[in-house]
PDB file of N, CA and C in Angstrom:
ATOM      1  N   UNK A   1      -2.910  27.322 -33.176  1.00  0.00           N
ATOM      2  CA  UNK A   1      -3.227  25.898 -32.591  1.00  0.00           C
ATOM      3  C   UNK A   1      -1.944  25.257 -32.468  1.00  0.00           C
ATOM      4  N   UNK A   2      -1.751  24.911 -31.354  1.00  0.00           N
ATOM      5  CA  UNK A   2      -0.444  23.838 -31.316  1.00  0.00           C
ATOM      6  C   UNK A   2      -0.847  22.199 -31.353  1.00  0.00           C
ATOM      7  N   UNK A   3       0.008  21.501 -31.629  1.00  0.00           N
ATOM      8  CA  UNK A   3      -0.101  19.910 -31.289  1.00  0.00           C
ATOM      9  C   UNK A   3      -0.129  19.583 -30.030  1.00  0.00           C
ATOM     10  N   UNK A   4      -0.852  19.019 -29.293  1.00  0.00           N
ATOM     11  CA  UNK A   4      -1.043  18.353 -28.336  1.00  0.00           C
ATOM     12  C   UNK A   4      -0.215  17.159 -28.237  1.00  0.00           C
ATOM     13  N   UNK A   5       0.734  17.021 -27.190  1.00  0.00           N
ATOM     14  CA  UNK A   5       1.402  15.982 -27.435  1.00  0.00           C
ATOM     15  C   UNK A   5       1.308  15.302 -25.887  1.00  0.00           C
ATOM     16  N   UNK A   6       0.731  14.136 -25.554  1.00  0.00           N
ATOM     17  CA  UNK A   6       0.506  13.362 -24.627  1.00  0.00           C
ATOM     18  C   UNK A   6       1.563  12.648 -23.931  1.00  0.00           C
ATOM     19  N   UNK A   7       1.544  12.563 -22.671  1.00  0.00           N
ATOM     20  CA  UNK A   7       2.778  12.002 -21.795  1.00  0.00           C
ATOM     21  C   UNK A   7       3.105  10.775 -21.998  1.00  0.00           C
ATOM     22  N   UNK A   8       3.979  10.224 -21.881  1.00  0.00           N
ATOM     23  CA  UNK A   8       4.364   8.802 -22.241  1.00  0.00           C
ATOM     24  C   UNK A   8       3.951   7.999 -21.194  1.00  0.00           C
ATOM     25  N   UNK A   9       3.913   6.708 -21.176  1.00  0.00           N
ATOM     26  CA  UNK A   9       3.518   5.818 -19.898  1.00  0.00           C
ATOM     27  C   UNK A   9       4.319   6.009 -18.629  1.00  0.00           C
ATOM     28  N   UNK A  10       5.407   6.061 -19.219  1.00  0.00           N
ATOM     29  CA  UNK A  10       6.843   6.083 -18.141  1.00  0.00           C
ATOM     30  C   UNK A  10       6.514   7.587 -17.332  1.00  0.00           C
ATOM     31  N   UNK A  11       6.357   8.774 -18.183  1.00  0.00           N
ATOM     32  CA  UNK A  11       6.139  10.004 -17.620  1.00  0.00           C
ATOM     33  C   UNK A  11       4.960   9.891 -16.924  1.00  0.00           C
ATOM     34  N   UNK A  12       3.932   9.413 -17.029  1.00  0.00           N
ATOM     35  CA  UNK A  12       2.658   9.571 -16.422  1.00  0.00           C
ATOM     36  C   UNK A  12       2.895   8.578 -14.960  1.00  0.00           C
ATOM     37  N   UNK A  13       3.449   7.525 -15.219  1.00  0.00           N
ATOM     38  CA  UNK A  13       3.848   6.686 -13.618  1.00  0.00           C
ATOM     39  C   UNK A  13       4.921   7.635 -12.803  1.00  0.00           C
ATOM     40  N   UNK A  14       5.905   8.114 -13.577  1.00  0.00           N
ATOM     41  CA  UNK A  14       6.684   9.043 -12.835  1.00  0.00           C
ATOM     42  C   UNK A  14       5.936  10.324 -12.120  1.00  0.00           C
ATOM     43  N   UNK A  15       5.035  11.006 -12.627  1.00  0.00           N
ATOM     44  CA  UNK A  15       4.466  11.890 -12.280  1.00  0.00           C
ATOM     45  C   UNK A  15       3.125  11.568 -11.219  1.00  0.00           C
ATOM     46  N   UNK A  16       2.723  10.620 -11.577  1.00  0.00           N
ATOM     47  CA  UNK A  16       1.643  10.227 -10.536  1.00  0.00           C
ATOM     48  C   UNK A  16       2.302   9.426  -9.348  1.00  0.00           C
ATOM     49  N   UNK A  17       3.642   9.006  -9.334  1.00  0.00           N
ATOM     50  CA  UNK A  17       4.508   8.477  -8.062  1.00  0.00           C
ATOM     51  C   UNK A  17       4.688   9.892  -7.119  1.00  0.00           C
ATOM     52  N   UNK A  18       5.204  10.590  -8.074  1.00  0.00           N
ATOM     53  CA  UNK A  18       5.292  12.039  -7.402  1.00  0.00           C
ATOM     54  C   UNK A  18       4.612  12.645  -6.545  1.00  0.00           C
ATOM     55  N   UNK A  19       3.099  12.507  -7.047  1.00  0.00           N
ATOM     56  CA  UNK A  19       2.048  13.148  -6.486  1.00  0.00           C
ATOM     57  C   UNK A  19       1.635  12.676  -5.577  1.00  0.00           C
ATOM     58  N   UNK A  20       1.690  11.048  -5.342  1.00  0.00           N
ATOM     59  CA  UNK A  20       1.164  10.228  -4.098  1.00  0.00           C
ATOM     60  C   UNK A  20       2.361   9.984  -3.204  1.00  0.00           C
ATOM     61  N   UNK A  21       3.436  10.307  -3.485  1.00  0.00           N
ATOM     62  CA  UNK A  21       4.627  10.542  -2.501  1.00  0.00           C
ATOM     63  C   UNK A  21       4.578  11.690  -1.627  1.00  0.00           C
ATOM     64  N   UNK A  22       4.364  12.877  -2.300  1.00  0.00           N
ATOM     65  CA  UNK A  22       4.379  14.183  -1.774  1.00  0.00           C
ATOM     66  C   UNK A  22       3.009  14.130  -0.820  1.00  0.00           C
ATOM     67  N   UNK A  23       1.744  13.644  -0.984  1.00  0.00           N
ATOM     68  CA  UNK A  23       0.680  13.578  -0.304  1.00  0.00           C
ATOM     69  C   UNK A  23       0.940  12.959   0.571  1.00  0.00           C
ATOM     70  N   UNK A  24       1.381  11.750   0.607  1.00  0.00           N
ATOM     71  CA  UNK A  24       1.805  11.041   1.574  1.00  0.00           C
ATOM     72  C   UNK A  24       2.754  11.660   2.946  1.00  0.00           C
ATOM     73  N   UNK A  25       3.808  12.029   2.247  1.00  0.00           N
ATOM     74  CA  UNK A  25       4.785  13.151   3.189  1.00  0.00           C
ATOM     75  C   UNK A  25       4.021  14.149   3.956  1.00  0.00           C
ATOM     76  N   UNK A  26       3.207  14.941   2.819  1.00  0.00           N
ATOM     77  CA  UNK A  26       2.403  16.173   3.811  1.00  0.00           C
ATOM     78  C   UNK A  26       1.562  15.636   4.735  1.00  0.00           C
ATOM     79  N   UNK A  27       0.834  14.398   4.526  1.00  0.00           N
ATOM     80  CA  UNK A  27      -0.302  14.118   5.487  1.00  0.00           C
ATOM     81  C   UNK A  27       0.448  13.609   6.494  1.00  0.00           C
ATOM     82  N   UNK A  28       1.583  12.995   6.667  1.00  0.00           N
ATOM     83  CA  UNK A  28       2.534  12.658   7.940  1.00  0.00           C
ATOM     84  C   UNK A  28       3.195  13.781   8.421  1.00  0.00           C
ATOM     85  N   UNK A  29       3.694  15.036   7.867  1.00  0.00           N
ATOM     86  CA  UNK A  29       3.980  15.797   8.393  1.00  0.00           C
ATOM     87  C   UNK A  29       3.269  16.719   9.209  1.00  0.00           C
ATOM     88  N   UNK A  30       2.067  17.230   8.336  1.00  0.00           N
ATOM     89  CA  UNK A  30       0.939  17.584   9.193  1.00  0.00           C
ATOM     90  C   UNK A  30       0.271  16.795  10.314  1.00  0.00           C
ATOM     91  N   UNK A  31       0.302  15.648  10.199  1.00  0.00           N
ATOM     92  CA  UNK A  31      -0.296  15.044  11.786  1.00  0.00           C
ATOM     93  C   UNK A  31       0.895  14.905  12.598  1.00  0.00           C
ATOM     94  N   UNK A  32       2.288  15.018  12.535  1.00  0.00           N
ATOM     95  CA  UNK A  32       3.278  14.965  13.226  1.00  0.00           C
ATOM     96  C   UNK A  32       3.092  16.746  13.776  1.00  0.00           C
ATOM     97  N   UNK A  33       3.093  17.720  13.062  1.00  0.00           N
ATOM     98  CA  UNK A  33       3.095  18.965  13.631  1.00  0.00           C
ATOM     99  C   UNK A  33       1.624  19.180  14.334  1.00  0.00           C
ATOM    100  N   UNK A  34       0.506  18.521  13.878  1.00  0.00           N
ATOM    101  CA  UNK A  34      -0.872  18.808  14.814  1.00  0.00           C
ATOM    102  C   UNK A  34      -0.627  17.710  16.233  1.00  0.00           C
ATOM    103  N   UNK A  35       0.075  17.086  16.337  1.00  0.00           N
ATOM    104  CA  UNK A  35       0.125  16.438  17.236  1.00  0.00           C
ATOM    105  C   UNK A  35       1.105  17.041  18.290  1.00  0.00           C
ATOM    106  N   UNK A  36       2.101  17.488  17.849  1.00  0.00           N
ATOM    107  CA  UNK A  36       3.246  18.421  18.767  1.00  0.00           C
ATOM    108  C   UNK A  36       2.350  19.369  19.192  1.00  0.00           C
ATOM    109  N   UNK A  37       1.846  20.264  18.450  1.00  0.00           N
ATOM    110  CA  UNK A  37       0.814  21.443  18.950  1.00  0.00           C
ATOM    111  C   UNK A  37      -0.170  20.945  19.840  1.00  0.00           C
ATOM    112  N   UNK A  38      -0.687  19.959  19.915  1.00  0.00           N
ATOM    113  CA  UNK A  38      -1.802  19.246  20.782  1.00  0.00           C
ATOM    114  C   UNK A  38      -1.044  18.991  22.123  1.00  0.00           C
ATOM    115  N   UNK A  39      -0.144  18.600  22.083  1.00  0.00           N
ATOM    116  CA  UNK A  39       0.677  18.122  23.226  1.00  0.00           C
ATOM    117  C   UNK A  39       1.080  19.438  23.837  1.00  0.00           C
ATOM    118  N   UNK A  40       1.522  20.373  23.044  1.00  0.00           N
ATOM    119  CA  UNK A  40       2.301  21.573  23.798  1.00  0.00           C
ATOM    120  C   UNK A  40       0.891  22.568  24.321  1.00  0.00           C
ATOM    121  N   UNK A  41      -0.292  22.360  23.944  1.00  0.00           N
ATOM    122  CA  UNK A  41      -1.242  23.036  24.313  1.00  0.00           C
ATOM    123  C   UNK A  41      -1.761  22.462  25.585  1.00  0.00           C
ATOM    124  N   UNK A  42      -1.841  21.044  25.645  1.00  0.00           N
ATOM    125  CA  UNK A  42      -2.359  20.479  26.515  1.00  0.00           C
ATOM    126  C   UNK A  42      -1.486  20.700  27.687  1.00  0.00           C
ATOM    127  N   UNK A  43      -0.209  20.843  27.683  1.00  0.00           N
ATOM    128  CA  UNK A  43       0.857  20.642  28.830  1.00  0.00           C
ATOM    129  C   UNK A  43       0.672  22.233  29.289  1.00  0.00           C
ATOM    130  N   UNK A  44       0.555  23.324  28.315  1.00  0.00           N
ATOM    131  CA  UNK A  44       0.373  24.807  28.638  1.00  0.00           C
ATOM    132  C   UNK A  44      -0.783  24.492  29.373  1.00  0.00           C
ATOM    133  N   UNK A  45      -2.145  24.540  29.058  1.00  0.00           N
ATOM    134  CA  UNK A  45      -3.445  24.171  29.899  1.00  0.00           C
ATOM    135  C   UNK A  45      -3.203  24.065  31.432  1.00  0.00           C
ATOM    136  N   UNK A  46      -2.438  22.541  31.275  1.00  0.00           N
ATOM    137  CA  UNK A  46      -2.388  22.520  32.607  1.00  0.00           C
ATOM    138  C   UNK A  46      -1.587  22.812  33.572  1.00  0.00           C
TER     139      UNK A  46
END
């Protein structure tokens, strides 16, 4: 068995901010891609 070392508060805040930032980035990224595809398909259908 190895000794468990918990992350410090600073490491925890850093990791949490990275996860939240990446989540927001990917939500915006996929929303833009979806919007582009949607408008492209509508233009293609018309």
